[in-house]
Amino acid sequence: MQSTLDVPRNLAHVNSSAEHRRNHSPFVHFLPTEIIGDIFARVIRSYPDHAGTSWMNLRPPMTLSSVCVYWRTVALSMPALWSEISIYSPLPRYIPSIELFLERARDHPLTLYLHQSKVLTESEYQATESILRLFVSGARKWKSIDFFLSTTHSSLFILPQVLPILESAKVSLDTWNNDCEMVMSRDDSVWTALHSSPVLREVNWGKTYKERMPPNVPWHQLTRIESLPEMPISTLLDILALCSRIEHLEVHTLSSSDTPLQLPIPVVLGNLRCLKLNIGVDSDSADFFDNVDLPVLENLTIIHDYDFPFNHEASALNDCLLRSGTSVLKTFSLCSAEPSGQDTLDYVFAPVLLSVPDLQLSLSGIQKPDEKDSHFTVTFASKEDQIYSIDICANYPVLDHLPDLLPQIFASKIAHHLQRDPLKEASICLTTTLSLSENGCLERICRENNIVFTVSHVV
């Protein structure tokens, strides 16, 4: 029988073991719960997606909650940890995990990503229908949704009339967009519900509204529009007059108005920082730039998909930026199927664009058999260490103008910066498909202005 004298020794052993565990517990166990929760959230945000195969992003919270009892307690106490669900090419075996996540998210706002494959199996169709049913049952908790659905799903047509906390909606109903009145009515019912949110800020209608306007759009609320349908410039200007908060705008196709435009007062887009315009075959975007002010524009992309002259687009853009007092433009990108050499020069040498740190020109030109586009990048460094780059991805006829183009770029850039932010270095990086016979001319231009000049080739 154990002696009563042994009890103090046993108690001492227990206390010593407890002290040993405290001294040897992982440091993370002594962090406040809030900090551990923040670490968990960062782990989940850094977890890579696996696009291209069927996947879902549910593993990180499950893994974190399986490490130990303490981590599990912390993870289960954080609804936010379970409120983001991403699924590509859904499968039936995902459904139990999704149900578990929605249960553990409780009333926390939901961020949902669901993309179908473009070629569906029956299994994926049935899984999508079940998952949508689960998502729609909690629609009033939606904060952000991104759905790409290549087939009709009736589950999406039973949304509540108001979605009170939805901030961002990206829904592409890929094959639904046709002239069938019933299909268009269904599309409209979905987007009418999504547009009902009093806090909606970002929309992307995908391919659903390429040629007609979506219903009941809360223009005055929106800060980001990624897929504005094809429309005349006059209609676009009318809409933009209502978009006082817009910061990011992408227009699918801009077409010409029936009559010349000249508004008495330009539409001022005082918050617009990023603009992407796809110019239609018969459109003259000069009418757009003549009638807007863009005082805080930072990133501008113009796309020409057709062989059509740019007319006075470059000069109209230059005048617009000058009139607007734009001083923060960081990136200008021009993409064109078949530009002329003069079109290229008009943009490269527009006075305002000479100050843009990043000028990108993607000029496909006429592709010769078995020939890839060539790149050349001209980089300048100022004495204040500001970097300016002109990156041109081009083919013929643009490359035919290379011997004349590069000396003009150098001379214009140097002259432009002479009184403002003088240049100290200039370099050219060329693909191996290009040869440069103008080194002597370029080197002379740089030497006369005390600028270090280098040339390099890459494979």
Protein backbone atom coordinates (compact mmCIF):
# COMPACT_ATOMS: atom_id res chain seq x y z
CA MET A 1 0.00 0.00 0.00
CA GLN A 2 1.21 3.46 -0.88
CA SER A 3 2.47 5.41 2.11
CA THR A 4 0.91 8.75 2.88
CA LEU A 5 4.44 10.04 3.01
CA ASP A 6 4.64 9.44 -0.75
CA VAL A 7 1.78 11.86 -1.51
CA PRO A 8 3.80 15.09 -1.29
CA ARG A 9 6.43 13.53 -3.53
CA ASN A 10 3.74 12.58 -6.09
CA LEU A 11 2.24 16.07 -5.98
CA ALA A 12 5.66 17.54 -6.51
CA HIS A 13 6.13 15.26 -9.52
CA VAL A 14 2.80 16.41 -11.00
CA ASN A 15 3.66 20.06 -10.46
CA SER A 16 7.08 19.50 -11.97
CA SER A 17 5.51 17.87 -15.07
CA ALA A 18 3.09 20.76 -15.49
CA GLU A 19 5.92 23.23 -15.20
CA HIS A 20 7.92 21.19 -17.72
CA ARG A 21 5.03 21.29 -20.19
CA ARG A 22 4.68 25.05 -19.75
CA ASN A 23 8.37 25.57 -20.31
CA HIS A 24 8.43 23.36 -23.39
CA SER A 25 5.15 24.29 -25.07
CA PRO A 26 5.43 25.88 -28.52
CA PHE A 27 5.83 29.61 -28.34
CA VAL A 28 2.74 30.07 -30.53
CA HIS A 29 0.56 28.71 -27.71
CA PHE A 30 1.39 31.78 -25.62
CA LEU A 31 0.31 34.24 -28.30
CA PRO A 32 -3.05 36.00 -27.90
CA THR A 33 -5.87 34.31 -29.78
CA GLU A 34 -6.29 37.37 -32.01
CA ILE A 35 -2.68 37.13 -33.24
CA ILE A 36 -2.97 33.40 -33.92
CA GLY A 37 -6.18 34.09 -35.82
CA ASP A 38 -4.39 36.72 -37.92
CA ILE A 39 -1.63 34.21 -38.71
CA PHE A 40 -4.24 31.65 -39.76
CA ALA A 41 -5.91 34.20 -42.04
CA ARG A 42 -2.56 35.04 -43.69
CA VAL A 43 -1.83 31.36 -44.28
CA ILE A 44 -5.16 30.91 -46.04
CA ARG A 45 -4.73 34.02 -48.20
CA SER A 46 -1.29 32.79 -49.34
CA TYR A 47 -2.54 29.33 -50.28
CA PRO A 48 -2.17 28.85 -54.07
CA ASP A 49 -5.05 28.06 -56.39
CA HIS A 50 -4.72 25.08 -58.69
CA ALA A 51 -6.41 26.29 -61.85
CA GLY A 52 -6.65 23.85 -64.72
CA THR A 53 -7.81 20.86 -62.69
CA SER A 54 -10.73 20.18 -60.42
CA TRP A 55 -9.95 21.72 -57.05
CA MET A 56 -11.32 23.49 -53.99
CA ASN A 57 -9.50 25.65 -51.48
CA LEU A 58 -10.94 24.02 -48.35
CA ARG A 59 -7.75 22.31 -47.23
CA PRO A 60 -5.98 25.10 -45.25
CA PRO A 61 -8.65 25.60 -42.53
CA MET A 62 -9.08 21.84 -42.20
CA THR A 63 -5.31 21.39 -41.82
CA LEU A 64 -4.94 24.20 -39.29
CA SER A 65 -7.78 22.83 -37.18
CA SER A 66 -6.17 19.36 -37.12
CA VAL A 67 -2.77 20.30 -35.69
CA CYS A 68 -3.71 20.20 -32.01
CA VAL A 69 -6.62 20.78 -29.63
CA TYR A 70 -5.63 24.40 -29.03
CA TRP A 71 -5.40 25.26 -32.75
CA ARG A 72 -8.68 23.50 -33.38
CA THR A 73 -10.34 25.56 -30.65
CA VAL A 74 -8.98 28.77 -32.16
CA ALA A 75 -9.97 27.78 -35.71
CA LEU A 76 -13.51 26.82 -34.72
CA SER A 77 -13.92 30.12 -32.86
CA MET A 78 -13.20 32.07 -36.08
CA PRO A 79 -16.16 32.04 -38.51
CA ALA A 80 -14.13 34.19 -40.93
CA LEU A 81 -11.72 31.28 -41.40
CA TRP A 82 -14.50 29.20 -42.95
CA SER A 83 -16.29 31.92 -44.91
CA GLU A 84 -14.26 31.77 -48.15
CA ILE A 85 -14.99 28.88 -50.51
CA SER A 86 -13.40 28.45 -53.95
CA ILE A 87 -14.28 25.61 -56.29
CA TYR A 88 -13.26 24.89 -59.87
CA SER A 89 -14.90 22.06 -61.82
CA PRO A 90 -17.07 20.91 -58.89
CA LEU A 91 -17.41 17.26 -57.95
CA PRO A 92 -20.02 15.52 -55.75
CA ARG A 93 -17.39 14.60 -53.14
CA TYR A 94 -16.87 18.31 -52.37
CA ILE A 95 -20.42 18.78 -51.05
CA PRO A 96 -19.97 17.46 -47.44
CA SER A 97 -16.96 19.76 -46.93
CA ILE A 98 -18.89 22.74 -48.30
CA GLU A 99 -21.77 22.01 -45.92
CA LEU A 100 -19.28 21.88 -43.03
CA PHE A 101 -17.70 25.21 -44.03
CA LEU A 102 -21.06 26.97 -44.31
CA GLU A 103 -22.03 25.64 -40.88
CA ARG A 104 -18.79 26.80 -39.25
CA ALA A 105 -18.96 30.21 -41.00
CA ARG A 106 -22.20 30.83 -39.08
CA ASP A 107 -23.39 34.39 -39.87
CA HIS A 108 -20.09 35.70 -41.20
CA PRO A 109 -20.21 37.35 -44.68
CA LEU A 110 -19.40 34.83 -47.43
CA THR A 111 -16.89 35.07 -50.29
CA LEU A 112 -17.70 32.43 -52.91
CA TYR A 113 -15.94 31.33 -56.12
CA LEU A 114 -17.56 28.67 -58.33
CA HIS A 115 -16.38 28.02 -61.88
CA GLN A 116 -17.56 25.20 -64.09
CA SER A 117 -15.53 23.56 -66.84
CA LYS A 118 -16.44 24.65 -70.33
CA VAL A 119 -17.13 21.02 -71.24
CA LEU A 120 -19.40 19.60 -68.54
CA THR A 121 -19.89 16.04 -67.42
CA GLU A 122 -23.23 15.00 -65.95
CA SER A 123 -21.51 14.53 -62.59
CA GLU A 124 -20.21 18.12 -62.63
CA TYR A 125 -23.61 19.47 -63.62
CA GLN A 126 -25.33 17.69 -60.73
CA ALA A 127 -22.60 18.78 -58.28
CA THR A 128 -22.93 22.41 -59.41
CA GLU A 129 -26.71 22.30 -58.94
CA SER A 130 -26.32 20.99 -55.37
CA ILE A 131 -23.59 23.48 -54.49
CA LEU A 132 -25.58 26.40 -55.90
CA ARG A 133 -28.55 25.30 -53.82
CA LEU A 134 -26.37 25.44 -50.69
CA PHE A 135 -24.94 28.84 -51.67
CA VAL A 136 -28.34 30.36 -52.49
CA SER A 137 -29.76 29.22 -49.14
CA GLY A 138 -27.30 31.65 -47.53
CA ALA A 139 -27.55 34.38 -50.18
CA ARG A 140 -28.34 37.09 -47.65
CA LYS A 141 -24.81 36.54 -46.26
CA TRP A 142 -23.09 36.95 -49.63
CA LYS A 143 -20.33 39.58 -49.57
CA SER A 144 -18.52 38.66 -52.80
CA ILE A 145 -19.39 36.11 -55.50
CA ASP A 146 -17.58 34.97 -58.64
CA PHE A 147 -19.58 32.41 -60.65
CA PHE A 148 -18.83 31.09 -64.14
CA LEU A 149 -21.68 28.85 -65.23
CA SER A 150 -21.70 27.32 -68.70
CA THR A 151 -25.18 25.82 -68.39
CA THR A 152 -28.51 26.90 -66.98
CA HIS A 153 -29.06 26.18 -63.29
CA SER A 154 -32.53 26.76 -61.88
CA SER A 155 -31.12 27.09 -58.36
CA LEU A 156 -29.86 30.56 -59.24
CA PHE A 157 -33.34 31.84 -60.05
CA ILE A 158 -34.65 31.74 -56.46
CA LEU A 159 -32.54 34.54 -55.02
CA PRO A 160 -34.08 36.77 -52.34
CA GLN A 161 -35.33 40.16 -53.50
CA VAL A 162 -32.63 42.03 -51.56
CA LEU A 163 -29.06 40.96 -50.86
CA PRO A 164 -28.17 43.35 -48.03
CA ILE A 165 -24.36 43.00 -47.78
CA LEU A 166 -23.28 42.04 -51.32
CA GLU A 167 -20.33 44.24 -52.36
CA SER A 168 -18.91 42.45 -55.41
CA ALA A 169 -20.73 40.35 -58.03
CA LYS A 170 -19.06 38.62 -60.98
CA VAL A 171 -21.43 36.23 -62.71
CA SER A 172 -20.91 34.97 -66.25
CA LEU A 173 -23.78 32.90 -67.63
CA ASP A 174 -21.69 31.75 -70.55
CA THR A 175 -24.03 29.97 -72.96
CA TRP A 176 -27.22 31.63 -71.79
CA ASN A 177 -26.66 34.77 -73.81
CA ASN A 178 -28.91 34.40 -76.85
CA ASP A 179 -32.03 36.03 -78.26
CA CYS A 180 -34.46 33.71 -76.49
CA GLU A 181 -36.84 35.93 -74.54
CA MET A 182 -37.20 33.40 -71.72
CA VAL A 183 -33.42 33.11 -71.30
CA MET A 184 -32.98 36.90 -71.26
CA SER A 185 -35.75 37.15 -68.67
CA ARG A 186 -33.94 34.65 -66.46
CA ASP A 187 -30.65 36.52 -66.83
CA ASP A 188 -32.41 39.74 -65.87
CA SER A 189 -34.02 38.17 -62.81
CA VAL A 190 -30.62 37.06 -61.50
CA TRP A 191 -29.00 40.45 -62.00
CA THR A 192 -32.00 42.39 -60.71
CA ALA A 193 -31.52 40.56 -57.41
CA LEU A 194 -27.75 41.15 -57.41
CA HIS A 195 -28.20 44.84 -58.23
CA SER A 196 -30.58 45.19 -55.27
CA SER A 197 -27.73 45.34 -52.75
CA PRO A 198 -27.47 48.81 -51.19
CA VAL A 199 -23.69 48.34 -50.81
CA LEU A 200 -22.87 46.85 -54.23
CA ARG A 201 -19.60 48.38 -55.48
CA GLU A 202 -18.12 46.00 -58.08
CA VAL A 203 -19.78 44.22 -61.01
CA ASN A 204 -18.71 42.01 -63.89
CA TRP A 205 -21.55 40.83 -66.12
CA GLY A 206 -19.24 38.52 -68.09
CA LYS A 207 -20.70 37.46 -71.43
CA THR A 208 -24.28 37.79 -70.25
CA TYR A 209 -24.66 41.39 -71.45
CA LYS A 210 -22.36 41.87 -74.43
CA GLU A 211 -24.87 43.69 -76.61
CA ARG A 212 -27.62 44.91 -74.29
CA MET A 213 -27.80 46.77 -71.02
CA PRO A 214 -28.34 44.91 -67.75
CA PRO A 215 -31.43 45.90 -65.70
CA ASN A 216 -31.66 48.20 -62.68
CA VAL A 217 -27.95 49.00 -62.43
CA PRO A 218 -27.12 51.20 -59.39
CA TRP A 219 -24.64 53.32 -61.33
CA HIS A 220 -24.18 55.86 -58.52
CA GLN A 221 -22.90 53.11 -56.15
CA LEU A 222 -20.37 51.41 -58.41
CA THR A 223 -16.63 51.81 -58.08
CA ARG A 224 -15.59 48.99 -60.43
CA ILE A 225 -17.16 47.82 -63.73
CA GLU A 226 -15.25 45.14 -65.63
CA SER A 227 -17.51 44.36 -68.59
CA LEU A 228 -19.56 47.30 -69.76
CA PRO A 229 -21.50 46.14 -72.89
CA GLU A 230 -20.88 47.37 -76.41
CA MET A 231 -22.36 50.83 -76.82
CA PRO A 232 -22.00 54.14 -78.70
CA ILE A 233 -19.73 56.76 -77.19
CA SER A 234 -22.72 59.02 -76.51
CA THR A 235 -24.41 56.32 -74.40
CA LEU A 236 -21.20 55.67 -72.50
CA LEU A 237 -20.85 59.35 -71.66
CA ASP A 238 -24.46 59.45 -70.39
CA ILE A 239 -23.75 56.48 -68.11
CA LEU A 240 -20.45 57.85 -66.85
CA ALA A 241 -22.20 61.06 -65.84
CA LEU A 242 -24.06 58.89 -63.29
CA CYS A 243 -20.93 57.07 -62.05
CA SER A 244 -19.54 59.57 -59.61
CA ARG A 245 -17.62 56.91 -57.64
CA ILE A 246 -16.17 54.85 -60.50
CA GLU A 247 -12.48 53.92 -60.01
CA HIS A 248 -12.00 51.04 -62.48
CA LEU A 249 -13.77 50.79 -65.84
CA GLU A 250 -13.51 48.27 -68.70
CA VAL A 251 -15.62 48.80 -71.82
CA HIS A 252 -16.15 45.74 -74.00
CA THR A 253 -16.52 47.55 -77.34
CA LEU A 254 -16.82 51.27 -78.00
CA SER A 255 -18.70 52.21 -81.16
CA SER A 256 -19.14 55.57 -82.87
CA SER A 257 -22.13 57.79 -82.25
CA ASP A 258 -24.43 58.71 -85.12
CA THR A 259 -23.64 62.41 -84.82
CA PRO A 260 -20.46 64.29 -83.86
CA LEU A 261 -20.12 64.78 -80.10
CA GLN A 262 -19.23 67.96 -78.31
CA LEU A 263 -20.59 68.24 -74.80
CA PRO A 264 -20.78 71.76 -73.35
CA ILE A 265 -18.86 70.53 -70.29
CA PRO A 266 -16.69 67.39 -70.24
CA VAL A 267 -17.76 64.55 -67.95
CA VAL A 268 -15.38 64.68 -64.98
CA LEU A 269 -14.40 61.24 -63.68
CA GLY A 270 -12.72 62.41 -60.51
CA ASN A 271 -12.08 58.95 -59.04
CA LEU A 272 -11.25 56.92 -62.17
CA ARG A 273 -7.77 55.40 -61.83
CA CYS A 274 -7.88 52.50 -64.29
CA LEU A 275 -9.50 52.61 -67.76
CA LYS A 276 -9.57 49.93 -70.45
CA LEU A 277 -11.22 50.67 -73.80
CA ASN A 278 -11.78 48.21 -76.64
CA ILE A 279 -12.28 50.35 -79.73
CA GLY A 280 -14.76 49.07 -82.34
CA VAL A 281 -13.99 48.80 -86.04
CA ASP A 282 -15.82 51.99 -87.01
CA SER A 283 -15.18 53.96 -83.84
CA ASP A 284 -13.19 57.12 -83.31
CA SER A 285 -12.18 57.22 -79.66
CA ALA A 286 -11.09 60.84 -80.10
CA ASP A 287 -14.77 61.69 -79.48
CA PHE A 288 -14.51 59.99 -76.09
CA PHE A 289 -11.31 61.73 -74.99
CA ASP A 290 -12.60 65.09 -76.24
CA ASN A 291 -15.52 64.86 -73.80
CA VAL A 292 -14.06 63.52 -70.54
CA ASP A 293 -11.69 64.76 -67.85
CA LEU A 294 -9.50 62.15 -66.14
CA PRO A 295 -7.62 64.01 -63.39
CA VAL A 296 -6.43 60.99 -61.35
CA LEU A 297 -6.00 58.36 -64.10
CA GLU A 298 -3.08 56.00 -63.36
CA ASN A 299 -3.47 53.11 -65.83
CA LEU A 300 -4.86 53.31 -69.37
CA THR A 301 -5.24 50.48 -71.91
CA ILE A 302 -6.55 50.98 -75.46
CA ILE A 303 -7.24 47.94 -77.67
CA HIS A 304 -7.81 48.00 -81.44
CA ASP A 305 -8.89 44.57 -82.71
CA TYR A 306 -9.27 45.69 -86.31
CA ASP A 307 -7.19 47.21 -89.08
CA PHE A 308 -8.54 50.73 -88.83
CA PRO A 309 -6.69 54.07 -88.65
CA PHE A 310 -6.38 55.67 -85.21
CA ASN A 311 -7.21 59.08 -86.71
CA HIS A 312 -6.52 61.75 -84.07
CA GLU A 313 -6.73 59.40 -81.09
CA ALA A 314 -3.22 60.10 -79.76
CA SER A 315 -3.58 63.88 -79.96
CA ALA A 316 -7.08 63.75 -78.42
CA LEU A 317 -5.75 61.64 -75.56
CA ASN A 318 -2.82 64.01 -75.07
CA ASP A 319 -5.18 67.03 -74.99
CA CYS A 320 -7.50 65.23 -72.56
CA LEU A 321 -4.70 64.49 -70.10
CA LEU A 322 -3.39 68.04 -70.34
CA ARG A 323 -6.85 69.53 -69.89
CA SER A 324 -7.53 67.24 -66.93
CA GLY A 325 -4.27 68.14 -65.21
CA THR A 326 -3.41 64.43 -65.03
CA SER A 327 -0.07 64.01 -63.32
CA VAL A 328 -0.20 60.45 -61.98
CA LEU A 329 -0.46 58.33 -65.16
CA LYS A 330 1.89 55.38 -64.53
CA THR A 331 1.12 52.93 -67.33
CA PHE A 332 -0.16 53.32 -70.87
CA SER A 333 -0.80 50.21 -72.99
CA LEU A 334 -1.76 50.17 -76.66
CA CYS A 335 -2.74 46.91 -78.35
CA SER A 336 -3.40 46.93 -82.08
CA ALA A 337 -3.85 44.26 -84.73
CA GLU A 338 -2.46 46.18 -87.69
CA PRO A 339 -0.99 49.56 -86.84
CA SER A 340 0.88 51.85 -89.17
CA GLY A 341 4.29 53.19 -88.32
CA GLN A 342 2.85 56.68 -87.96
CA ASP A 343 0.24 55.45 -85.49
CA THR A 344 3.05 54.11 -83.33
CA LEU A 345 5.00 57.34 -83.54
CA ASP A 346 1.92 59.40 -82.62
CA TYR A 347 1.62 57.56 -79.31
CA VAL A 348 5.31 57.29 -78.48
CA PHE A 349 5.83 61.00 -79.02
CA ALA A 350 2.64 62.39 -77.49
CA PRO A 351 4.07 64.96 -75.01
CA VAL A 352 2.11 63.72 -71.99
CA LEU A 353 2.98 60.09 -72.68
CA LEU A 354 6.69 60.91 -72.78
CA SER A 355 6.41 61.34 -68.99
CA VAL A 356 4.69 58.01 -68.39
CA PRO A 357 7.03 55.60 -66.54
CA ASP A 358 5.68 52.50 -68.31
CA LEU A 359 4.67 52.68 -71.99
CA GLN A 360 3.61 49.32 -73.49
CA LEU A 361 2.86 48.84 -77.18
CA SER A 362 1.62 45.47 -78.44
CA LEU A 363 1.55 45.83 -82.21
CA SER A 364 0.95 42.57 -84.03
CA GLY A 365 1.31 43.87 -87.55
CA ILE A 366 1.68 41.39 -90.42
CA GLN A 367 2.94 38.03 -89.19
CA LYS A 368 5.27 36.19 -91.55
CA PRO A 369 5.15 32.37 -91.69
CA ASP A 370 6.92 30.63 -88.77
CA GLU A 371 7.77 33.97 -87.23
CA LYS A 372 7.09 35.16 -83.70
CA ASP A 373 6.58 38.71 -82.51
CA SER A 374 9.80 40.51 -81.59
CA HIS A 375 10.40 42.62 -78.52
CA PHE A 376 12.51 45.60 -77.86
CA THR A 377 12.56 47.54 -74.64
CA VAL A 378 14.04 51.00 -74.27
CA THR A 379 14.76 51.93 -70.66
CA PHE A 380 15.80 55.32 -69.34
CA ALA A 381 16.95 56.22 -65.82
CA SER A 382 16.82 59.80 -64.64
CA LYS A 383 19.25 61.50 -62.28
CA GLU A 384 16.51 61.26 -59.65
CA ASP A 385 16.48 57.46 -60.20
CA GLN A 386 13.05 57.45 -61.84
CA ILE A 387 12.79 54.61 -64.38
CA TYR A 388 10.99 55.11 -67.71
CA SER A 389 10.47 52.16 -70.04
CA ILE A 390 9.02 51.77 -73.54
CA ASP A 391 8.25 48.14 -74.29
CA ILE A 392 7.26 47.27 -77.86
CA CYS A 393 6.11 43.82 -78.90
CA ALA A 394 5.81 44.06 -82.66
CA ASN A 395 6.04 42.55 -86.10
CA TYR A 396 5.87 44.01 -89.57
CA PRO A 397 5.27 46.76 -90.64
CA VAL A 398 6.28 48.28 -87.30
CA LEU A 399 9.73 46.73 -87.33
CA ASP A 400 10.38 48.24 -90.75
CA HIS A 401 10.38 51.60 -88.98
CA LEU A 402 12.84 50.51 -86.27
CA PRO A 403 15.94 52.27 -87.72
CA ASP A 404 14.04 55.57 -87.73
CA LEU A 405 11.95 54.93 -84.64
CA LEU A 406 14.69 54.37 -82.05
CA PRO A 407 16.73 57.56 -82.75
CA GLN A 408 13.50 59.58 -82.62
CA ILE A 409 12.52 57.96 -79.31
CA PHE A 410 15.92 58.80 -77.83
CA ALA A 411 15.99 62.38 -79.11
CA SER A 412 12.39 63.13 -78.02
CA LYS A 413 12.79 61.54 -74.59
CA ILE A 414 16.03 63.37 -73.87
CA ALA A 415 14.63 66.72 -75.02
CA HIS A 416 11.46 66.20 -72.97
CA HIS A 417 13.40 65.50 -69.77
CA LEU A 418 16.17 68.04 -70.25
CA GLN A 419 14.57 70.72 -68.06
CA ARG A 420 12.48 68.45 -65.79
CA ASP A 421 14.18 65.25 -64.72
CA PRO A 422 17.39 64.90 -66.77
CA LEU A 423 18.35 61.39 -67.87
CA LYS A 424 21.60 59.67 -66.86
CA GLU A 425 21.27 56.22 -68.47
CA ALA A 426 19.66 54.69 -71.57
CA SER A 427 19.58 51.08 -72.62
CA ILE A 428 17.99 48.86 -75.26
CA CYS A 429 17.14 45.20 -74.82
CA LEU A 430 16.42 43.33 -78.10
CA THR A 431 15.31 39.83 -78.99
CA THR A 432 17.72 37.84 -81.12
CA THR A 433 15.45 38.19 -84.16
CA LEU A 434 16.33 41.86 -84.34
CA SER A 435 19.56 43.48 -85.40
CA LEU A 436 20.34 47.09 -84.67
CA SER A 437 22.48 49.08 -87.07
CA GLU A 438 21.80 52.44 -85.45
CA ASN A 439 24.07 52.00 -82.42
CA GLY A 440 26.42 54.73 -83.57
CA CYS A 441 23.62 57.25 -83.95
CA LEU A 442 22.05 56.38 -80.60
CA GLU A 443 25.41 56.38 -78.83
CA ARG A 444 26.20 59.82 -80.28
CA ILE A 445 22.84 61.22 -79.09
CA CYS A 446 23.51 59.92 -75.59
CA ARG A 447 27.14 61.03 -75.48
CA GLU A 448 26.17 64.58 -76.47
CA ASN A 449 23.84 64.63 -73.44
CA ASN A 450 26.16 62.88 -70.96
CA ILE A 451 24.00 59.75 -70.87
CA VAL A 452 25.42 56.24 -70.44
CA PHE A 453 24.24 54.03 -73.33
CA THR A 454 24.13 50.20 -73.46
CA VAL A 455 22.66 47.55 -75.77
CA SER A 456 21.87 43.92 -74.88
CA HIS A 457 20.30 40.95 -76.62
CA VAL A 458 18.18 38.18 -75.09
CA VAL A 459 17.08 34.85 -76.46
